[in-house]
Amino acid sequence: MSDLASRFQTAVEDSKKLSKRPDNDTMLKLYAYFKQGSVGDVEGKRPGFTDLVGRAKYDAWAKLKGAAKEEAMQQYVDLVESLKTA
């Protein structure tokens, strides 16, 4: 496992232990970076207008389309680190 991949896994665990829940915009960023870093580009259909949460998650992830997995992983790690010190 690469150094970045291990730091990413550590950040995933750390994100579950944050002392304070991040605001919704930050949660969407975390979700998008996590999905892009672990799965890659968004796939499937955009959820319908009645699924507001699913639609927001899909849109946040879709904004990262084309971004390298490694870049998304690093962004995730950096964001979790900033939340731990906040």
Protein backbone atom coordinates (compact mmCIF):
# COMPACT_ATOMS: atom_id res chain seq x y z
CA MET A 1 0.00 0.00 0.00
CA SER A 2 1.38 3.37 -0.95
CA ASP A 3 2.03 6.08 1.61
CA LEU A 4 -0.85 8.18 0.24
CA ALA A 5 -3.24 5.24 0.37
CA SER A 6 -2.36 4.54 4.00
CA ARG A 7 -2.74 8.22 4.91
CA PHE A 8 -6.10 8.21 3.09
CA GLN A 9 -7.28 5.19 5.13
CA THR A 10 -6.12 6.87 8.33
CA ALA A 11 -8.00 10.04 7.38
CA VAL A 12 -11.16 8.00 6.72
CA GLU A 13 -10.93 6.58 10.25
CA ASP A 14 -10.12 10.02 11.70
CA SER A 15 -13.12 11.58 9.95
CA LYS A 16 -15.39 9.30 11.98
CA LYS A 17 -13.84 10.54 15.23
CA LEU A 18 -14.07 14.30 14.72
CA SER A 19 -15.12 16.12 17.86
CA LYS A 20 -17.58 18.32 15.96
CA ARG A 21 -19.73 17.45 12.94
CA PRO A 22 -18.68 19.58 9.94
CA ASP A 23 -21.21 21.82 8.20
CA ASN A 24 -23.13 20.44 5.21
CA ASP A 25 -20.85 22.02 2.57
CA THR A 26 -17.80 20.46 4.20
CA MET A 27 -19.58 17.12 4.48
CA LEU A 28 -20.29 17.23 0.74
CA LYS A 29 -16.62 17.98 0.03
CA LEU A 30 -15.57 15.06 2.22
CA TYR A 31 -18.02 12.79 0.41
CA ALA A 32 -16.90 13.93 -3.04
CA TYR A 33 -13.17 13.61 -2.29
CA PHE A 34 -13.74 10.19 -0.70
CA LYS A 35 -15.74 8.86 -3.63
CA GLN A 36 -13.38 10.29 -6.26
CA GLY A 37 -10.38 8.95 -4.36
CA SER A 38 -11.80 5.49 -3.81
CA VAL A 39 -14.05 4.88 -6.84
CA GLY A 40 -13.08 7.42 -9.48
CA ASP A 41 -15.43 9.39 -11.70
CA VAL A 42 -19.12 9.48 -10.87
CA GLU A 43 -21.29 6.96 -12.71
CA GLY A 44 -24.98 6.34 -13.05
CA LYS A 45 -27.93 8.65 -13.31
CA ARG A 46 -28.39 11.77 -11.24
CA PRO A 47 -31.02 11.17 -8.52
CA GLY A 48 -34.44 12.70 -9.07
CA PHE A 49 -35.61 16.01 -7.64
CA THR A 50 -37.31 14.30 -4.70
CA ASP A 51 -33.97 12.91 -3.44
CA LEU A 52 -32.36 16.17 -2.34
CA VAL A 53 -29.53 14.59 -0.35
CA GLY A 54 -28.66 12.06 -3.04
CA ARG A 55 -28.76 14.79 -5.66
CA ALA A 56 -26.44 17.07 -3.64
CA LYS A 57 -23.98 14.20 -3.12
CA TYR A 58 -24.07 13.29 -6.81
CA ASP A 59 -23.52 16.92 -7.86
CA ALA A 60 -20.59 17.37 -5.44
CA TRP A 61 -18.95 14.20 -6.75
CA ALA A 62 -19.65 15.10 -10.39
CA LYS A 63 -17.73 18.38 -9.95
CA LEU A 64 -14.56 16.31 -9.48
CA LYS A 65 -15.04 14.32 -12.69
CA GLY A 66 -11.70 13.86 -14.40
CA ALA A 67 -9.66 14.55 -11.27
CA ALA A 68 -6.97 11.99 -10.50
CA LYS A 69 -7.72 9.57 -7.67
CA GLU A 70 -4.43 10.51 -6.01
CA GLU A 71 -5.31 14.22 -6.06
CA ALA A 72 -8.72 13.54 -4.53
CA MET A 73 -7.14 11.35 -1.86
CA GLN A 74 -4.68 14.10 -0.97
CA GLN A 75 -7.48 16.70 -0.82
CA TYR A 76 -9.44 14.39 1.49
CA VAL A 77 -6.44 13.90 3.79
CA ASP A 78 -5.78 17.66 3.87
CA LEU A 79 -9.41 18.48 4.62
CA VAL A 80 -9.66 15.95 7.46
CA GLU A 81 -6.40 17.25 8.94
CA SER A 82 -7.75 20.82 8.86
CA LEU A 83 -10.96 19.67 10.57
CA LYS A 84 -9.02 17.90 13.33
CA THR A 85 -7.26 21.14 14.27
CA ALA A 86 -10.37 23.32 13.97
